[in-house]
Amino acid sequence: MNILLPVDDSDIESAKLCSIDDAQYWVLLDILEGKISNSQFYQSRDEISDWIDVVVVKDQKEHIWPFMEEGLAILVAPTQRYIEDIVEAYLFKELHDINS
């Protein structure tokens, strides 16, 4: 499962989810057996050529139309900001579907 997040830093420990407009980096997480098996930071979303299963955003009012047009699943992290917390919330199905 590949999860894409807009973040403010390129350090896996300190990076926080931010709005799409404020993203300094995009991190693509490969989740395998409930853990992050790989993480790759990109300075631009255009650099990413890998398959993306889910995009997690900070707020459902984000500019998400490009993701919707690509047919990507979009989830909202209502309170989670750090990558580890977002992955845990994803695994426990605590992230909100954009339609809810």
N, C-alpha and C. Protein backbone atom coordinates (compact mmCIF):
# COMPACT_ATOMS: atom_id res chain seq x y z
N MET A 1 0.85 -1.17 0.00
CA MET A 1 0.00 0.00 0.00
C MET A 1 0.90 1.23 0.00
N ASN A 2 0.71 2.11 -0.95
CA ASN A 2 1.49 3.35 -1.03
C ASN A 2 0.61 4.53 -0.64
N ILE A 3 1.08 5.28 0.35
CA ILE A 3 0.35 6.43 0.87
C ILE A 3 1.17 7.68 0.63
N LEU A 4 0.53 8.70 0.07
CA LEU A 4 1.20 9.96 -0.24
C LEU A 4 0.72 11.05 0.72
N LEU A 5 1.68 11.81 1.27
CA LEU A 5 1.37 12.89 2.22
C LEU A 5 2.11 14.17 1.84
N PRO A 6 1.44 15.32 1.92
CA PRO A 6 2.16 16.59 1.80
C PRO A 6 2.72 16.94 3.18
N VAL A 7 4.01 17.20 3.28
CA VAL A 7 4.63 17.45 4.58
C VAL A 7 5.52 18.69 4.55
N ASP A 8 5.93 19.10 5.76
CA ASP A 8 6.72 20.33 5.90
C ASP A 8 8.22 20.11 6.05
N ASP A 9 8.67 18.86 6.10
CA ASP A 9 10.08 18.56 6.35
C ASP A 9 10.43 17.23 5.69
N SER A 10 11.70 17.00 5.46
CA SER A 10 12.12 15.74 4.83
C SER A 10 12.69 14.74 5.84
N ASP A 11 12.45 14.97 7.11
CA ASP A 11 12.87 14.03 8.16
C ASP A 11 11.65 13.23 8.60
N ILE A 12 11.73 11.92 8.49
CA ILE A 12 10.59 11.05 8.78
C ILE A 12 10.08 11.22 10.21
N GLU A 13 10.96 11.55 11.13
CA GLU A 13 10.58 11.70 12.54
C GLU A 13 9.90 13.03 12.84
N SER A 14 10.34 14.09 12.19
CA SER A 14 9.82 15.42 12.54
C SER A 14 8.85 16.00 11.51
N ALA A 15 8.73 15.38 10.35
CA ALA A 15 7.83 15.90 9.32
C ALA A 15 6.39 15.85 9.79
N LYS A 16 5.68 16.93 9.48
CA LYS A 16 4.27 17.02 9.85
C LYS A 16 3.42 17.23 8.60
N LEU A 17 2.24 16.65 8.63
CA LEU A 17 1.27 16.85 7.57
C LEU A 17 0.94 18.34 7.47
N CYS A 18 0.90 18.87 6.27
CA CYS A 18 0.55 20.27 6.08
C CYS A 18 -0.41 20.37 4.91
N SER A 19 -0.88 21.56 4.66
CA SER A 19 -1.79 21.74 3.53
C SER A 19 -1.03 21.52 2.23
N ILE A 20 -1.74 21.18 1.19
CA ILE A 20 -1.13 20.95 -0.11
C ILE A 20 -0.38 22.19 -0.58
N ASP A 21 -0.98 23.37 -0.37
CA ASP A 21 -0.35 24.62 -0.81
C ASP A 21 0.94 24.93 -0.05
N ASP A 22 1.06 24.46 1.19
CA ASP A 22 2.23 24.74 2.02
C ASP A 22 3.27 23.62 1.99
N ALA A 23 3.02 22.58 1.23
CA ALA A 23 3.91 21.41 1.23
C ALA A 23 5.31 21.77 0.75
N GLN A 24 6.29 21.48 1.56
CA GLN A 24 7.69 21.63 1.18
C GLN A 24 8.18 20.35 0.51
N TYR A 25 7.57 19.23 0.91
CA TYR A 25 7.93 17.91 0.39
C TYR A 25 6.67 17.07 0.29
N TRP A 26 6.77 16.03 -0.49
CA TRP A 26 5.76 14.97 -0.55
C TRP A 26 6.48 13.70 -0.14
N VAL A 27 5.87 12.95 0.77
CA VAL A 27 6.48 11.69 1.17
C VAL A 27 5.57 10.55 0.71
N LEU A 28 6.19 9.57 0.08
CA LEU A 28 5.49 8.37 -0.35
C LEU A 28 5.90 7.24 0.57
N LEU A 29 4.93 6.72 1.28
CA LEU A 29 5.18 5.65 2.24
C LEU A 29 4.72 4.32 1.68
N ASP A 30 5.54 3.32 1.79
CA ASP A 30 5.17 1.96 1.42
C ASP A 30 4.86 1.23 2.72
N ILE A 31 3.60 0.87 2.89
CA ILE A 31 3.17 0.18 4.11
C ILE A 31 3.05 -1.30 3.81
N LEU A 32 3.78 -2.10 4.56
CA LEU A 32 3.79 -3.54 4.37
C LEU A 32 3.64 -4.20 5.73
N GLU A 33 2.64 -5.04 5.87
CA GLU A 33 2.37 -5.76 7.12
C GLU A 33 2.27 -4.81 8.31
N GLY A 34 1.61 -3.68 8.09
CA GLY A 34 1.33 -2.76 9.19
C GLY A 34 2.47 -1.84 9.58
N LYS A 35 3.54 -1.82 8.79
CA LYS A 35 4.69 -0.98 9.11
C LYS A 35 5.19 -0.27 7.87
N ILE A 36 5.88 0.85 8.09
CA ILE A 36 6.49 1.56 6.97
C ILE A 36 7.71 0.76 6.52
N SER A 37 7.64 0.21 5.32
CA SER A 37 8.77 -0.57 4.82
C SER A 37 9.73 0.31 4.01
N ASN A 38 9.21 1.43 3.49
CA ASN A 38 10.05 2.34 2.73
C ASN A 38 9.39 3.72 2.73
N SER A 39 10.22 4.75 2.72
CA SER A 39 9.71 6.11 2.60
C SER A 39 10.61 6.88 1.65
N GLN A 40 10.00 7.64 0.79
CA GLN A 40 10.76 8.42 -0.19
C GLN A 40 10.19 9.84 -0.20
N PHE A 41 11.07 10.83 -0.02
CA PHE A 41 10.66 12.23 -0.03
C PHE A 41 10.93 12.83 -1.41
N TYR A 42 10.00 13.66 -1.85
CA TYR A 42 10.10 14.36 -3.12
C TYR A 42 9.84 15.83 -2.89
N GLN A 43 10.52 16.69 -3.64
CA GLN A 43 10.29 18.12 -3.50
C GLN A 43 9.07 18.58 -4.29
N SER A 44 8.65 17.79 -5.24
CA SER A 44 7.49 18.12 -6.06
C SER A 44 6.69 16.85 -6.32
N ARG A 45 5.40 17.01 -6.36
CA ARG A 45 4.55 15.86 -6.65
C ARG A 45 4.81 15.34 -8.07
N ASP A 46 5.24 16.21 -8.95
CA ASP A 46 5.50 15.84 -10.34
C ASP A 46 6.66 14.84 -10.47
N GLU A 47 7.51 14.76 -9.47
CA GLU A 47 8.65 13.83 -9.49
C GLU A 47 8.24 12.38 -9.25
N ILE A 48 7.06 12.18 -8.75
CA ILE A 48 6.63 10.84 -8.31
C ILE A 48 6.10 10.05 -9.50
N SER A 49 6.72 8.91 -9.74
CA SER A 49 6.26 8.04 -10.82
C SER A 49 5.72 6.71 -10.28
N ASP A 50 5.90 6.46 -9.00
CA ASP A 50 5.41 5.22 -8.39
C ASP A 50 3.89 5.25 -8.27
N TRP A 51 3.32 4.08 -8.13
CA TRP A 51 1.89 3.93 -7.94
C TRP A 51 1.50 4.51 -6.58
N ILE A 52 0.38 5.21 -6.53
CA ILE A 52 -0.15 5.79 -5.29
C ILE A 52 -1.52 5.18 -5.06
N ASP A 53 -1.73 4.62 -3.86
CA ASP A 53 -3.03 4.05 -3.52
C ASP A 53 -3.93 5.06 -2.83
N VAL A 54 -3.33 5.82 -1.90
CA VAL A 54 -4.10 6.73 -1.06
C VAL A 54 -3.33 8.03 -0.86
N VAL A 55 -4.06 9.14 -0.88
CA VAL A 55 -3.50 10.44 -0.54
C VAL A 55 -4.16 10.87 0.76
N VAL A 56 -3.35 11.29 1.72
CA VAL A 56 -3.88 11.79 2.99
C VAL A 56 -3.66 13.29 3.03
N VAL A 57 -4.74 14.03 3.31
CA VAL A 57 -4.66 15.49 3.38
C VAL A 57 -5.08 15.95 4.77
N LYS A 58 -4.77 17.21 5.04
CA LYS A 58 -5.01 17.79 6.35
C LYS A 58 -6.47 18.19 6.54
N ASP A 59 -7.12 18.59 5.46
CA ASP A 59 -8.46 19.15 5.55
C ASP A 59 -9.23 18.81 4.28
N GLN A 60 -10.49 18.55 4.39
CA GLN A 60 -11.25 18.19 3.20
C GLN A 60 -11.50 19.39 2.28
N LYS A 61 -11.12 20.57 2.71
CA LYS A 61 -11.26 21.77 1.87
C LYS A 61 -10.02 22.01 1.00
N GLU A 62 -9.09 21.08 1.05
CA GLU A 62 -7.87 21.18 0.24
C GLU A 62 -8.23 21.09 -1.25
N HIS A 63 -7.30 21.49 -2.08
CA HIS A 63 -7.46 21.40 -3.53
C HIS A 63 -7.16 19.96 -3.95
N ILE A 64 -8.18 19.10 -3.89
CA ILE A 64 -7.99 17.66 -4.11
C ILE A 64 -8.45 17.18 -5.48
N TRP A 65 -8.99 18.08 -6.30
CA TRP A 65 -9.52 17.66 -7.59
C TRP A 65 -8.52 16.90 -8.46
N PRO A 66 -7.27 17.30 -8.51
CA PRO A 66 -6.33 16.51 -9.34
C PRO A 66 -6.25 15.05 -8.90
N PHE A 67 -6.31 14.81 -7.60
CA PHE A 67 -6.25 13.44 -7.09
C PHE A 67 -7.52 12.68 -7.45
N MET A 68 -8.65 13.36 -7.33
CA MET A 68 -9.93 12.73 -7.67
C MET A 68 -9.98 12.37 -9.15
N GLU A 69 -9.45 13.25 -10.00
CA GLU A 69 -9.43 12.98 -11.44
C GLU A 69 -8.56 11.77 -11.77
N GLU A 70 -7.54 11.53 -10.95
CA GLU A 70 -6.67 10.37 -11.15
C GLU A 70 -7.28 9.10 -10.57
N GLY A 71 -8.40 9.23 -9.88
CA GLY A 71 -9.07 8.07 -9.29
C GLY A 71 -8.43 7.58 -8.01
N LEU A 72 -7.68 8.46 -7.34
CA LEU A 72 -7.01 8.07 -6.10
C LEU A 72 -7.96 8.19 -4.91
N ALA A 73 -7.80 7.30 -3.95
CA ALA A 73 -8.55 7.40 -2.71
C ALA A 73 -7.96 8.57 -1.91
N ILE A 74 -8.83 9.35 -1.28
CA ILE A 74 -8.38 10.51 -0.51
C ILE A 74 -8.95 10.40 0.89
N LEU A 75 -8.06 10.48 1.87
CA LEU A 75 -8.45 10.44 3.27
C LEU A 75 -8.02 11.71 3.97
N VAL A 76 -8.74 12.07 5.03
CA VAL A 76 -8.43 13.26 5.81
C VAL A 76 -7.94 12.82 7.19
N ALA A 77 -6.83 13.41 7.63
CA ALA A 77 -6.32 13.18 8.98
C ALA A 77 -6.80 14.37 9.81
N PRO A 78 -7.90 14.22 10.54
CA PRO A 78 -8.50 15.36 11.23
C PRO A 78 -7.65 15.93 12.36
N THR A 79 -6.92 15.08 13.05
CA THR A 79 -6.11 15.57 14.17
C THR A 79 -4.66 15.11 14.12
N GLN A 80 -4.39 14.08 13.36
CA GLN A 80 -3.04 13.53 13.28
C GLN A 80 -2.16 14.42 12.41
N ARG A 81 -0.94 14.65 12.85
CA ARG A 81 -0.02 15.48 12.08
C ARG A 81 1.30 14.79 11.77
N TYR A 82 1.81 13.99 12.68
CA TYR A 82 3.09 13.31 12.45
C TYR A 82 2.87 12.02 11.66
N ILE A 83 3.85 11.67 10.85
CA ILE A 83 3.74 10.52 9.96
C ILE A 83 3.38 9.24 10.72
N GLU A 84 4.05 8.98 11.80
CA GLU A 84 3.78 7.77 12.58
C GLU A 84 2.32 7.72 13.05
N ASP A 85 1.80 8.87 13.50
CA ASP A 85 0.41 8.93 13.96
C ASP A 85 -0.57 8.72 12.81
N ILE A 86 -0.24 9.25 11.65
CA ILE A 86 -1.11 9.09 10.48
C ILE A 86 -1.15 7.64 10.02
N VAL A 87 0.01 6.98 10.00
CA VAL A 87 0.06 5.57 9.61
C VAL A 87 -0.74 4.73 10.60
N GLU A 88 -0.57 4.99 11.87
CA GLU A 88 -1.34 4.25 12.88
C GLU A 88 -2.84 4.48 12.70
N ALA A 89 -3.24 5.72 12.48
CA ALA A 89 -4.66 6.03 12.27
C ALA A 89 -5.17 5.34 11.00
N TYR A 90 -4.34 5.28 9.98
CA TYR A 90 -4.73 4.59 8.74
C TYR A 90 -4.97 3.11 9.02
N LEU A 91 -4.05 2.50 9.71
CA LEU A 91 -4.17 1.06 9.99
C LEU A 91 -5.40 0.74 10.84
N PHE A 92 -5.76 1.65 11.74
CA PHE A 92 -6.92 1.43 12.60
C PHE A 92 -8.19 2.06 12.03
N LYS A 93 -8.12 2.48 10.76
CA LYS A 93 -9.27 3.05 10.05
C LYS A 93 -9.87 4.25 10.76
N GLU A 94 -8.98 5.11 11.28
CA GLU A 94 -9.43 6.31 11.99
C GLU A 94 -9.35 7.57 11.14
N LEU A 95 -8.88 7.43 9.90
CA LEU A 95 -8.86 8.58 9.00
C LEU A 95 -10.23 8.67 8.33
N HIS A 96 -10.62 9.88 7.98
CA HIS A 96 -11.94 10.10 7.41
C HIS A 96 -11.91 10.05 5.90
N ASP A 97 -12.89 9.38 5.33
CA ASP A 97 -13.05 9.38 3.89
C ASP A 97 -13.48 10.78 3.48
N ILE A 98 -13.03 11.27 2.38
CA ILE A 98 -13.31 12.63 1.95
C ILE A 98 -14.81 12.88 1.79
N ASN A 99 -15.59 11.85 1.57
CA ASN A 99 -17.03 11.99 1.38
C ASN A 99 -17.80 11.98 2.68
N SER A 100 -17.14 11.73 3.81
CA SER A 100 -17.89 11.66 5.08
C SER A 100 -17.90 12.97 5.81
